[in-house]
Amino acid sequence: MTPKNELADFISKTSPQTMILVDEAYFHYADSPDYESVIPLIKDHPNLIVARTFSKIYGMAGLRCGYAVAQPETITQLSSHQSWDSVNIMAVAAAGASLNDPDQVTNGRRLNQETRSFVTTQLDAMDFKYIPSQANFVMIDVKRPVLPLIKALKERNVQVGRLFPALPNHMRLTVGKKSEMEAFLSAFRQVLA
């Protein structure tokens, strides 16, 4: 995630004729004040669009539902390119119900932070480095090519993220329930032995 001050600087230096799309898919997970939303900047930047999704903290990845925040004229322009059936009614109903649950985001953020902290504490104890995260995943430096580890974990019914070619020694671990993270850590220790 990019800190708000860096995004604000980029937005202010970008030509008003260039549309800027900021993806805030992981915004709700952030627990640092450095990662505030840029939605307040929309009022001064008609070329700014902020996208959010119900796939992450709301747990509705399969429904493929999200929304955009922008100035009214920009939304009108975007709407002219949207087909009438671009989002199914089940996704709209689920998204609405989630927005009406005031504890959804707070509880999701708290559970993610607790479990992410548990995982990173265990990784610290195992002397593994990782990229600090404000999201629902951790990129772990496994100190070796990651593909054999991914395959070995899969053989133990533990699924982890795909290979990132720019980080061939890093494993992307999505933070799930504590019991899932305990299962991952157990299998991870086995494949490293």
N, C-alpha and C. Protein backbone atom coordinates (compact mmCIF):
# COMPACT_ATOMS: atom_id res chain seq x y z
N MET A 1 0.84 -1.17 0.00
CA MET A 1 0.00 0.00 0.00
C MET A 1 0.89 1.24 0.00
N THR A 2 0.41 2.26 -0.66
CA THR A 2 1.16 3.49 -0.77
C THR A 2 0.64 4.50 0.25
N PRO A 3 1.52 5.10 1.03
CA PRO A 3 1.07 6.09 2.02
C PRO A 3 0.32 7.25 1.37
N LYS A 4 -0.65 7.81 2.10
CA LYS A 4 -1.49 8.87 1.56
C LYS A 4 -0.68 10.07 1.10
N ASN A 5 0.36 10.45 1.84
CA ASN A 5 1.12 11.64 1.45
C ASN A 5 1.80 11.45 0.09
N GLU A 6 2.25 10.23 -0.21
CA GLU A 6 2.86 9.96 -1.51
C GLU A 6 1.82 10.01 -2.62
N LEU A 7 0.63 9.43 -2.35
CA LEU A 7 -0.44 9.49 -3.34
C LEU A 7 -0.90 10.92 -3.57
N ALA A 8 -1.04 11.68 -2.50
CA ALA A 8 -1.48 13.08 -2.63
C ALA A 8 -0.49 13.87 -3.47
N ASP A 9 0.80 13.64 -3.27
CA ASP A 9 1.83 14.32 -4.04
C ASP A 9 1.72 13.94 -5.52
N PHE A 10 1.56 12.65 -5.80
CA PHE A 10 1.41 12.18 -7.18
C PHE A 10 0.17 12.80 -7.83
N ILE A 11 -0.94 12.78 -7.12
CA ILE A 11 -2.20 13.31 -7.66
C ILE A 11 -2.05 14.80 -7.97
N SER A 12 -1.42 15.55 -7.08
CA SER A 12 -1.28 17.00 -7.29
C SER A 12 -0.37 17.32 -8.48
N LYS A 13 0.56 16.43 -8.81
CA LYS A 13 1.50 16.67 -9.91
C LYS A 13 1.01 16.11 -11.25
N THR A 14 -0.10 15.39 -11.24
CA THR A 14 -0.61 14.78 -12.46
C THR A 14 -1.50 15.76 -13.21
N SER A 15 -1.35 15.79 -14.51
CA SER A 15 -2.16 16.67 -15.35
C SER A 15 -3.65 16.41 -15.12
N PRO A 16 -4.46 17.46 -15.02
CA PRO A 16 -5.90 17.27 -14.84
C PRO A 16 -6.56 16.53 -16.00
N GLN A 17 -5.89 16.47 -17.14
CA GLN A 17 -6.43 15.74 -18.29
C GLN A 17 -6.17 14.23 -18.19
N THR A 18 -5.39 13.82 -17.21
CA THR A 18 -5.07 12.40 -17.02
C THR A 18 -5.91 11.84 -15.88
N MET A 19 -6.68 10.81 -16.17
CA MET A 19 -7.50 10.18 -15.13
C MET A 19 -6.59 9.35 -14.22
N ILE A 20 -6.87 9.41 -12.93
CA ILE A 20 -6.11 8.66 -11.93
C ILE A 20 -7.07 7.71 -11.24
N LEU A 21 -6.73 6.43 -11.23
CA LEU A 21 -7.54 5.43 -10.53
C LEU A 21 -6.72 4.92 -9.35
N VAL A 22 -7.24 5.12 -8.14
CA VAL A 22 -6.59 4.62 -6.93
C VAL A 22 -7.42 3.44 -6.43
N ASP A 23 -6.78 2.30 -6.34
CA ASP A 23 -7.43 1.08 -5.87
C ASP A 23 -7.28 0.99 -4.36
N GLU A 24 -8.39 1.10 -3.64
CA GLU A 24 -8.36 1.00 -2.18
C GLU A 24 -8.93 -0.34 -1.71
N ALA A 25 -8.60 -1.41 -2.44
CA ALA A 25 -9.11 -2.74 -2.10
C ALA A 25 -8.69 -3.17 -0.70
N TYR A 26 -7.49 -2.80 -0.29
CA TYR A 26 -6.97 -3.23 1.01
C TYR A 26 -7.04 -2.13 2.07
N PHE A 27 -7.64 -1.00 1.73
CA PHE A 27 -7.68 0.14 2.63
C PHE A 27 -8.23 -0.19 4.02
N HIS A 28 -9.29 -0.96 4.08
CA HIS A 28 -9.94 -1.24 5.37
C HIS A 28 -9.04 -2.02 6.33
N TYR A 29 -8.02 -2.68 5.83
CA TYR A 29 -7.12 -3.45 6.70
C TYR A 29 -6.07 -2.57 7.38
N ALA A 30 -5.80 -1.41 6.84
CA ALA A 30 -4.70 -0.57 7.33
C ALA A 30 -4.93 -0.13 8.77
N ASP A 31 -3.89 -0.29 9.57
CA ASP A 31 -3.97 0.16 10.96
C ASP A 31 -2.99 1.30 11.25
N SER A 32 -2.35 1.81 10.22
CA SER A 32 -1.42 2.92 10.37
C SER A 32 -2.07 4.20 9.83
N PRO A 33 -1.91 5.32 10.52
CA PRO A 33 -2.48 6.58 10.01
C PRO A 33 -1.84 7.05 8.70
N ASP A 34 -0.73 6.44 8.31
CA ASP A 34 -0.10 6.80 7.04
C ASP A 34 -0.93 6.35 5.84
N TYR A 35 -1.86 5.45 6.06
CA TYR A 35 -2.62 4.85 4.97
C TYR A 35 -4.08 5.27 5.00
N GLU A 36 -4.31 6.57 4.97
CA GLU A 36 -5.67 7.09 4.94
C GLU A 36 -6.21 7.04 3.52
N SER A 37 -7.52 7.05 3.41
CA SER A 37 -8.17 7.09 2.11
C SER A 37 -7.87 8.41 1.40
N VAL A 38 -7.85 8.35 0.06
CA VAL A 38 -7.70 9.58 -0.72
C VAL A 38 -9.05 10.10 -1.19
N ILE A 39 -10.14 9.49 -0.74
CA ILE A 39 -11.47 9.96 -1.14
C ILE A 39 -11.66 11.45 -0.86
N PRO A 40 -11.19 12.00 0.27
CA PRO A 40 -11.36 13.44 0.49
C PRO A 40 -10.71 14.32 -0.60
N LEU A 41 -9.74 13.79 -1.33
CA LEU A 41 -9.07 14.57 -2.37
C LEU A 41 -9.91 14.70 -3.64
N ILE A 42 -10.95 13.90 -3.76
CA ILE A 42 -11.79 13.91 -4.96
C ILE A 42 -12.40 15.28 -5.20
N LYS A 43 -12.79 15.96 -4.14
CA LYS A 43 -13.47 17.26 -4.30
C LYS A 43 -12.61 18.27 -5.06
N ASP A 44 -11.29 18.16 -4.95
CA ASP A 44 -10.38 19.09 -5.63
C ASP A 44 -9.76 18.51 -6.91
N HIS A 45 -10.09 17.25 -7.22
CA HIS A 45 -9.47 16.59 -8.37
C HIS A 45 -10.53 15.82 -9.17
N PRO A 46 -11.10 16.48 -10.19
CA PRO A 46 -12.12 15.80 -11.00
C PRO A 46 -11.59 14.61 -11.80
N ASN A 47 -10.28 14.48 -11.87
CA ASN A 47 -9.67 13.37 -12.60
C ASN A 47 -9.35 12.17 -11.69
N LEU A 48 -9.79 12.22 -10.44
CA LEU A 48 -9.49 11.15 -9.48
C LEU A 48 -10.70 10.23 -9.29
N ILE A 49 -10.45 8.94 -9.42
CA ILE A 49 -11.45 7.91 -9.16
C ILE A 49 -10.87 6.97 -8.12
N VAL A 50 -11.64 6.67 -7.09
CA VAL A 50 -11.22 5.72 -6.06
C VAL A 50 -12.11 4.49 -6.18
N ALA A 51 -11.48 3.34 -6.32
CA ALA A 51 -12.22 2.07 -6.43
C ALA A 51 -12.09 1.29 -5.14
N ARG A 52 -13.20 0.70 -4.73
CA ARG A 52 -13.22 -0.18 -3.56
C ARG A 52 -13.96 -1.46 -3.94
N THR A 53 -13.71 -2.49 -3.16
CA THR A 53 -14.28 -3.80 -3.46
C THR A 53 -14.91 -4.41 -2.22
N PHE A 54 -15.84 -5.31 -2.45
CA PHE A 54 -16.41 -6.11 -1.36
C PHE A 54 -15.68 -7.45 -1.27
N SER A 55 -14.64 -7.64 -2.08
CA SER A 55 -13.93 -8.92 -2.14
C SER A 55 -13.00 -9.17 -0.97
N LYS A 56 -12.52 -8.14 -0.32
CA LYS A 56 -11.50 -8.32 0.71
C LYS A 56 -12.11 -8.38 2.10
N ILE A 57 -12.17 -7.26 2.81
CA ILE A 57 -12.60 -7.29 4.21
C ILE A 57 -14.06 -7.73 4.36
N TYR A 58 -14.86 -7.53 3.32
CA TYR A 58 -16.26 -7.97 3.38
C TYR A 58 -16.41 -9.45 3.06
N GLY A 59 -15.34 -10.07 2.55
CA GLY A 59 -15.33 -11.52 2.32
C GLY A 59 -16.22 -12.00 1.19
N MET A 60 -16.39 -11.19 0.15
CA MET A 60 -17.28 -11.58 -0.95
C MET A 60 -16.54 -11.67 -2.28
N ALA A 61 -15.39 -12.31 -2.28
CA ALA A 61 -14.57 -12.36 -3.50
C ALA A 61 -15.31 -12.97 -4.68
N GLY A 62 -16.05 -14.01 -4.46
CA GLY A 62 -16.74 -14.69 -5.55
C GLY A 62 -17.87 -13.89 -6.17
N LEU A 63 -18.38 -12.89 -5.47
CA LEU A 63 -19.50 -12.11 -5.99
C LEU A 63 -19.08 -11.00 -6.93
N ARG A 64 -17.81 -10.64 -6.95
CA ARG A 64 -17.28 -9.63 -7.85
C ARG A 64 -18.10 -8.34 -7.82
N CYS A 65 -18.11 -7.71 -6.66
CA CYS A 65 -18.88 -6.49 -6.48
C CYS A 65 -17.99 -5.41 -5.87
N GLY A 66 -18.09 -4.22 -6.40
CA GLY A 66 -17.33 -3.11 -5.87
C GLY A 66 -17.99 -1.81 -6.25
N TYR A 67 -17.30 -0.71 -5.99
CA TYR A 67 -17.87 0.59 -6.33
C TYR A 67 -16.75 1.59 -6.57
N ALA A 68 -17.12 2.68 -7.23
CA ALA A 68 -16.18 3.76 -7.50
C ALA A 68 -16.71 5.03 -6.87
N VAL A 69 -15.77 5.86 -6.39
CA VAL A 69 -16.10 7.16 -5.83
C VAL A 69 -15.36 8.20 -6.68
N ALA A 70 -16.10 9.18 -7.16
CA ALA A 70 -15.52 10.24 -7.98
C ALA A 70 -16.50 11.41 -8.00
N GLN A 71 -16.11 12.48 -8.68
CA GLN A 71 -17.03 13.60 -8.83
C GLN A 71 -18.21 13.15 -9.69
N PRO A 72 -19.39 13.76 -9.49
CA PRO A 72 -20.60 13.33 -10.21
C PRO A 72 -20.44 13.25 -11.73
N GLU A 73 -19.75 14.21 -12.32
CA GLU A 73 -19.58 14.19 -13.78
C GLU A 73 -18.78 12.97 -14.22
N THR A 74 -17.79 12.60 -13.44
CA THR A 74 -16.96 11.43 -13.76
C THR A 74 -17.79 10.15 -13.64
N ILE A 75 -18.60 10.06 -12.60
CA ILE A 75 -19.46 8.88 -12.43
C ILE A 75 -20.45 8.78 -13.59
N THR A 76 -20.99 9.90 -14.03
CA THR A 76 -21.91 9.89 -15.18
C THR A 76 -21.21 9.36 -16.42
N GLN A 77 -19.97 9.81 -16.65
CA GLN A 77 -19.21 9.31 -17.80
C GLN A 77 -18.95 7.82 -17.68
N LEU A 78 -18.56 7.35 -16.49
CA LEU A 78 -18.32 5.92 -16.28
C LEU A 78 -19.60 5.11 -16.49
N SER A 79 -20.71 5.62 -15.98
CA SER A 79 -21.98 4.90 -16.07
C SER A 79 -22.41 4.68 -17.52
N SER A 80 -22.03 5.58 -18.39
CA SER A 80 -22.42 5.43 -19.80
C SER A 80 -21.74 4.23 -20.46
N HIS A 81 -20.71 3.68 -19.82
CA HIS A 81 -20.00 2.52 -20.35
C HIS A 81 -20.33 1.23 -19.60
N GLN A 82 -21.24 1.32 -18.64
CA GLN A 82 -21.58 0.16 -17.81
C GLN A 82 -22.80 -0.54 -18.39
N SER A 83 -22.72 -1.86 -18.50
CA SER A 83 -23.88 -2.60 -19.00
C SER A 83 -24.87 -2.80 -17.86
N TRP A 84 -26.12 -2.97 -18.20
CA TRP A 84 -27.18 -3.06 -17.19
C TRP A 84 -27.03 -4.29 -16.30
N ASP A 85 -26.34 -5.30 -16.78
CA ASP A 85 -26.23 -6.54 -16.01
C ASP A 85 -24.80 -6.79 -15.50
N SER A 86 -24.06 -5.71 -15.26
CA SER A 86 -22.66 -5.87 -14.87
C SER A 86 -22.48 -6.41 -13.45
N VAL A 87 -23.49 -6.29 -12.61
CA VAL A 87 -23.43 -6.83 -11.25
C VAL A 87 -24.72 -7.59 -11.00
N ASN A 88 -24.60 -8.81 -10.47
CA ASN A 88 -25.82 -9.58 -10.25
C ASN A 88 -26.53 -9.14 -8.98
N ILE A 89 -27.82 -9.42 -8.92
CA ILE A 89 -28.67 -8.96 -7.82
C ILE A 89 -28.24 -9.54 -6.47
N MET A 90 -27.71 -10.77 -6.48
CA MET A 90 -27.24 -11.37 -5.24
C MET A 90 -26.06 -10.57 -4.67
N ALA A 91 -25.17 -10.15 -5.54
CA ALA A 91 -24.02 -9.35 -5.10
C ALA A 91 -24.48 -8.01 -4.54
N VAL A 92 -25.44 -7.38 -5.19
CA VAL A 92 -25.95 -6.09 -4.72
C VAL A 92 -26.61 -6.25 -3.34
N ALA A 93 -27.40 -7.31 -3.16
CA ALA A 93 -28.06 -7.56 -1.87
C ALA A 93 -27.03 -7.82 -0.77
N ALA A 94 -26.03 -8.63 -1.08
CA ALA A 94 -24.99 -8.94 -0.08
C ALA A 94 -24.18 -7.70 0.27
N ALA A 95 -23.84 -6.90 -0.73
CA ALA A 95 -23.09 -5.67 -0.48
C ALA A 95 -23.90 -4.72 0.40
N GLY A 96 -25.17 -4.58 0.09
CA GLY A 96 -26.03 -3.71 0.89
C GLY A 96 -26.12 -4.17 2.34
N ALA A 97 -26.28 -5.47 2.53
CA ALA A 97 -26.35 -6.02 3.89
C ALA A 97 -25.04 -5.75 4.64
N SER A 98 -23.92 -5.90 3.96
CA SER A 98 -22.62 -5.65 4.60
C SER A 98 -22.47 -4.19 5.01
N LEU A 99 -22.91 -3.30 4.15
CA LEU A 99 -22.81 -1.87 4.47
C LEU A 99 -23.71 -1.49 5.64
N ASN A 100 -24.77 -2.26 5.84
CA ASN A 100 -25.68 -2.00 6.95
C ASN A 100 -25.23 -2.64 8.26
N ASP A 101 -24.12 -3.38 8.23
CA ASP A 101 -23.59 -4.00 9.44
C ASP A 101 -22.44 -3.13 9.95
N PRO A 102 -22.70 -2.31 10.97
CA PRO A 102 -21.67 -1.36 11.42
C PRO A 102 -20.41 -2.01 11.99
N ASP A 103 -20.49 -3.27 12.38
CA ASP A 103 -19.33 -3.93 12.99
C ASP A 103 -18.50 -4.73 11.99
N GLN A 104 -18.97 -4.88 10.77
CA GLN A 104 -18.30 -5.72 9.77
C GLN A 104 -16.84 -5.34 9.58
N VAL A 105 -16.58 -4.10 9.25
CA VAL A 105 -15.21 -3.66 8.95
C VAL A 105 -14.36 -3.66 10.22
N THR A 106 -14.91 -3.15 11.31
CA THR A 106 -14.15 -3.09 12.57
C THR A 106 -13.73 -4.48 13.02
N ASN A 107 -14.65 -5.42 13.01
CA ASN A 107 -14.33 -6.79 13.43
C ASN A 107 -13.36 -7.46 12.46
N GLY A 108 -13.58 -7.27 11.16
CA GLY A 108 -12.68 -7.85 10.17
C GLY A 108 -11.27 -7.32 10.31
N ARG A 109 -11.14 -6.01 10.53
CA ARG A 109 -9.81 -5.40 10.70
C ARG A 109 -9.14 -5.95 11.96
N ARG A 110 -9.89 -6.01 13.05
CA ARG A 110 -9.32 -6.49 14.32
C ARG A 110 -8.85 -7.94 14.19
N LEU A 111 -9.69 -8.80 13.63
CA LEU A 111 -9.31 -10.21 13.47
C LEU A 111 -8.09 -10.35 12.56
N ASN A 112 -8.04 -9.58 11.48
CA ASN A 112 -6.90 -9.64 10.57
C ASN A 112 -5.63 -9.18 11.28
N GLN A 113 -5.71 -8.08 12.04
CA GLN A 113 -4.53 -7.58 12.74
C GLN A 113 -4.03 -8.58 13.77
N GLU A 114 -4.95 -9.17 14.51
CA GLU A 114 -4.55 -10.16 15.53
C GLU A 114 -3.87 -11.36 14.89
N THR A 115 -4.47 -11.87 13.82
CA THR A 115 -3.92 -13.06 13.17
C THR A 115 -2.63 -12.75 12.44
N ARG A 116 -2.57 -11.60 11.77
CA ARG A 116 -1.34 -11.19 11.08
C ARG A 116 -0.21 -11.04 12.10
N SER A 117 -0.50 -10.46 13.25
CA SER A 117 0.50 -10.31 14.31
C SER A 117 0.97 -11.67 14.82
N PHE A 118 0.03 -12.59 14.99
CA PHE A 118 0.38 -13.95 15.41
C PHE A 118 1.36 -14.58 14.41
N VAL A 119 1.03 -14.48 13.12
CA VAL A 119 1.87 -15.09 12.08
C VAL A 119 3.25 -14.43 12.05
N THR A 120 3.29 -13.11 12.07
CA THR A 120 4.59 -12.44 11.97
C THR A 120 5.45 -12.68 13.22
N THR A 121 4.81 -12.82 14.37
CA THR A 121 5.56 -13.16 15.59
C THR A 121 6.19 -14.54 15.44
N GLN A 122 5.44 -15.49 14.89
CA GLN A 122 5.98 -16.83 14.66
C GLN A 122 7.11 -16.80 13.63
N LEU A 123 6.93 -16.01 12.57
CA LEU A 123 7.99 -15.89 11.55
C LEU A 123 9.24 -15.26 12.14
N ASP A 124 9.06 -14.26 13.00
CA ASP A 124 10.21 -13.65 13.68
C ASP A 124 10.96 -14.70 14.50
N ALA A 125 10.22 -15.53 15.22
CA ALA A 125 10.83 -16.57 16.05
C ALA A 125 11.58 -17.59 15.20
N MET A 126 11.12 -17.79 13.96
CA MET A 126 11.76 -18.73 13.05
C MET A 126 12.87 -18.05 12.24
N ASP A 127 13.11 -16.76 12.48
CA ASP A 127 14.13 -15.96 11.80
C ASP A 127 13.84 -15.79 10.30
N PHE A 128 12.57 -15.61 9.96
CA PHE A 128 12.19 -15.32 8.58
C PHE A 128 11.81 -13.85 8.48
N LYS A 129 12.32 -13.20 7.45
CA LYS A 129 11.98 -11.80 7.19
C LYS A 129 10.73 -11.76 6.31
N TYR A 130 10.04 -10.65 6.36
CA TYR A 130 8.83 -10.46 5.56
C TYR A 130 8.68 -8.97 5.30
N ILE A 131 7.95 -8.66 4.26
CA ILE A 131 7.68 -7.26 3.93
C ILE A 131 6.55 -6.79 4.84
N PRO A 132 6.77 -5.71 5.60
CA PRO A 132 5.70 -5.22 6.49
C PRO A 132 4.40 -5.01 5.70
N SER A 133 3.30 -5.40 6.29
CA SER A 133 2.02 -5.39 5.59
C SER A 133 0.96 -4.60 6.33
N GLN A 134 0.14 -3.90 5.56
CA GLN A 134 -1.05 -3.24 6.08
C GLN A 134 -2.29 -3.91 5.48
N ALA A 135 -2.12 -5.08 4.92
CA ALA A 135 -3.21 -5.76 4.21
C ALA A 135 -3.52 -7.11 4.86
N ASN A 136 -4.21 -7.95 4.13
CA ASN A 136 -4.57 -9.27 4.64
C ASN A 136 -3.63 -10.35 4.10
N PHE A 137 -2.42 -9.97 3.80
CA PHE A 137 -1.42 -10.94 3.37
C PHE A 137 -0.04 -10.48 3.81
N VAL A 138 0.89 -11.43 3.80
CA VAL A 138 2.28 -11.16 4.17
C VAL A 138 3.16 -11.78 3.09
N MET A 139 4.17 -11.03 2.64
CA MET A 139 5.15 -11.56 1.69
C MET A 139 6.37 -11.98 2.50
N ILE A 140 6.61 -13.30 2.54
CA ILE A 140 7.66 -13.88 3.36
C ILE A 140 8.88 -14.19 2.49
N ASP A 141 10.05 -13.76 2.92
CA ASP A 141 11.29 -14.14 2.26
C ASP A 141 11.66 -15.52 2.79
N VAL A 142 11.49 -16.54 1.94
CA VAL A 142 11.72 -17.92 2.37
C VAL A 142 13.17 -18.36 2.18
N LYS A 143 14.02 -17.44 1.73
CA LYS A 143 15.48 -17.65 1.64
C LYS A 143 15.89 -18.69 0.59
N ARG A 144 14.99 -19.04 -0.29
CA ARG A 144 15.26 -20.02 -1.34
C ARG A 144 14.18 -19.89 -2.41
N PRO A 145 14.36 -20.55 -3.55
CA PRO A 145 13.29 -20.50 -4.55
C PRO A 145 11.97 -21.01 -3.96
N VAL A 146 10.91 -20.26 -4.19
CA VAL A 146 9.65 -20.52 -3.51
C VAL A 146 8.82 -21.65 -4.15
N LEU A 147 8.97 -21.90 -5.43
CA LEU A 147 8.11 -22.89 -6.09
C LEU A 147 8.15 -24.27 -5.44
N PRO A 148 9.32 -24.81 -5.09
CA PRO A 148 9.31 -26.12 -4.41
C PRO A 148 8.56 -26.09 -3.07
N LEU A 149 8.63 -24.97 -2.37
CA LEU A 149 7.90 -24.85 -1.10
C LEU A 149 6.40 -24.79 -1.34
N ILE A 150 5.99 -24.05 -2.36
CA ILE A 150 4.56 -23.97 -2.68
C ILE A 150 4.02 -25.36 -2.99
N LYS A 151 4.79 -26.13 -3.78
CA LYS A 151 4.36 -27.49 -4.14
C LYS A 151 4.32 -28.40 -2.91
N ALA A 152 5.33 -28.30 -2.06
CA ALA A 152 5.37 -29.14 -0.86
C ALA A 152 4.22 -28.80 0.10
N LEU A 153 3.89 -27.53 0.21
CA LEU A 153 2.76 -27.13 1.06
C LEU A 153 1.45 -27.64 0.47
N LYS A 154 1.32 -27.56 -0.85
CA LYS A 154 0.10 -28.04 -1.51
C LYS A 154 -0.10 -29.53 -1.25
N GLU A 155 1.00 -30.29 -1.23
CA GLU A 155 0.91 -31.73 -0.93
C GLU A 155 0.39 -31.97 0.49
N ARG A 156 0.51 -30.96 1.33
CA ARG A 156 0.02 -31.05 2.72
C ARG A 156 -1.31 -30.30 2.88
N ASN A 157 -1.97 -30.07 1.74
CA ASN A 157 -3.28 -29.39 1.71
C ASN A 157 -3.24 -27.97 2.24
N VAL A 158 -2.12 -27.29 2.01
CA VAL A 158 -2.00 -25.88 2.39
C VAL A 158 -1.74 -25.09 1.11
N GLN A 159 -2.67 -24.20 0.80
CA GLN A 159 -2.55 -23.37 -0.40
C GLN A 159 -1.98 -22.01 -0.02
N VAL A 160 -0.98 -21.58 -0.74
CA VAL A 160 -0.43 -20.24 -0.57
C VAL A 160 -0.46 -19.56 -1.93
N GLY A 161 -0.09 -18.28 -1.96
CA GLY A 161 -0.16 -17.51 -3.19
C GLY A 161 0.79 -17.99 -4.27
N ARG A 162 0.58 -17.43 -5.43
CA ARG A 162 1.37 -17.78 -6.61
C ARG A 162 2.76 -17.17 -6.54
N LEU A 163 3.60 -17.57 -7.47
CA LEU A 163 4.95 -17.02 -7.60
C LEU A 163 4.87 -15.60 -8.15
N PHE A 164 5.64 -14.70 -7.58
CA PHE A 164 5.81 -13.35 -8.11
C PHE A 164 7.20 -13.32 -8.72
N PRO A 165 7.31 -13.30 -10.06
CA PRO A 165 8.62 -13.39 -10.71
C PRO A 165 9.66 -12.39 -10.20
N ALA A 166 9.24 -11.20 -9.82
CA ALA A 166 10.20 -10.20 -9.32
C ALA A 166 10.69 -10.55 -7.92
N LEU A 167 10.00 -11.45 -7.24
CA LEU A 167 10.36 -11.87 -5.88
C LEU A 167 10.39 -13.41 -5.82
N PRO A 168 11.33 -14.04 -6.51
CA PRO A 168 11.32 -15.50 -6.62
C PRO A 168 11.55 -16.26 -5.32
N ASN A 169 12.02 -15.56 -4.29
CA ASN A 169 12.24 -16.20 -2.98
C ASN A 169 11.20 -15.77 -1.96
N HIS A 170 10.10 -15.20 -2.42
CA HIS A 170 9.05 -14.73 -1.52
C HIS A 170 7.76 -15.52 -1.72
N MET A 171 7.09 -15.78 -0.62
CA MET A 171 5.82 -16.48 -0.61
C MET A 171 4.74 -15.51 -0.14
N ARG A 172 3.65 -15.42 -0.90
CA ARG A 172 2.53 -14.58 -0.49
C ARG A 172 1.58 -15.43 0.34
N LEU A 173 1.41 -15.05 1.58
CA LEU A 173 0.54 -15.77 2.50
C LEU A 173 -0.66 -14.90 2.84
N THR A 174 -1.84 -15.36 2.46
CA THR A 174 -3.06 -14.65 2.84
C THR A 174 -3.37 -14.98 4.29
N VAL A 175 -3.68 -13.94 5.05
CA VAL A 175 -4.01 -14.11 6.47
C VAL A 175 -5.46 -14.59 6.56
N GLY A 176 -5.63 -15.78 7.13
CA GLY A 176 -6.97 -16.34 7.31
C GLY A 176 -7.31 -16.43 8.78
N LYS A 177 -8.06 -17.45 9.12
CA LYS A 177 -8.40 -17.69 10.52
C LYS A 177 -7.14 -18.17 11.25
N LYS A 178 -7.12 -17.99 12.57
CA LYS A 178 -5.95 -18.40 13.34
C LYS A 178 -5.68 -19.89 13.16
N SER A 179 -6.72 -20.71 13.13
CA SER A 179 -6.53 -22.16 12.95
C SER A 179 -5.89 -22.46 11.60
N GLU A 180 -6.24 -21.70 10.57
CA GLU A 180 -5.63 -21.89 9.25
C GLU A 180 -4.16 -21.48 9.28
N MET A 181 -3.85 -20.44 10.00
CA MET A 181 -2.47 -19.98 10.09
C MET A 181 -1.62 -20.96 10.91
N GLU A 182 -2.23 -21.56 11.92
CA GLU A 182 -1.53 -22.59 12.69
C GLU A 182 -1.23 -23.79 11.79
N ALA A 183 -2.20 -24.17 10.94
CA ALA A 183 -1.98 -25.28 10.00
C ALA A 183 -0.87 -24.92 9.01
N PHE A 184 -0.87 -23.68 8.51
CA PHE A 184 0.19 -23.25 7.62
C PHE A 184 1.55 -23.35 8.30
N LEU A 185 1.66 -22.79 9.51
CA LEU A 185 2.94 -22.78 10.21
C LEU A 185 3.44 -24.19 10.49
N SER A 186 2.54 -25.09 10.83
CA SER A 186 2.94 -26.48 11.07
C SER A 186 3.49 -27.10 9.78
N ALA A 187 2.77 -26.92 8.68
CA ALA A 187 3.23 -27.47 7.39
C ALA A 187 4.51 -26.78 6.93
N PHE A 188 4.60 -25.48 7.14
CA PHE A 188 5.79 -24.72 6.76
C PHE A 188 7.02 -25.25 7.48
N ARG A 189 6.88 -25.49 8.77
CA ARG A 189 8.00 -26.06 9.54
C ARG A 189 8.39 -27.44 9.00
N GLN A 190 7.40 -28.24 8.63
CA GLN A 190 7.68 -29.59 8.10
C GLN A 190 8.45 -29.52 6.79
N VAL A 191 8.02 -28.67 5.88
CA VAL A 191 8.68 -28.63 4.57
C VAL A 191 10.06 -27.99 4.64
N LEU A 192 10.31 -27.23 5.69
CA LEU A 192 11.63 -26.63 5.85
C LEU A 192 12.62 -27.57 6.54
N ALA A 193 12.10 -28.59 7.21
CA ALA A 193 12.95 -29.50 7.99
C ALA A 193 13.83 -30.36 7.09
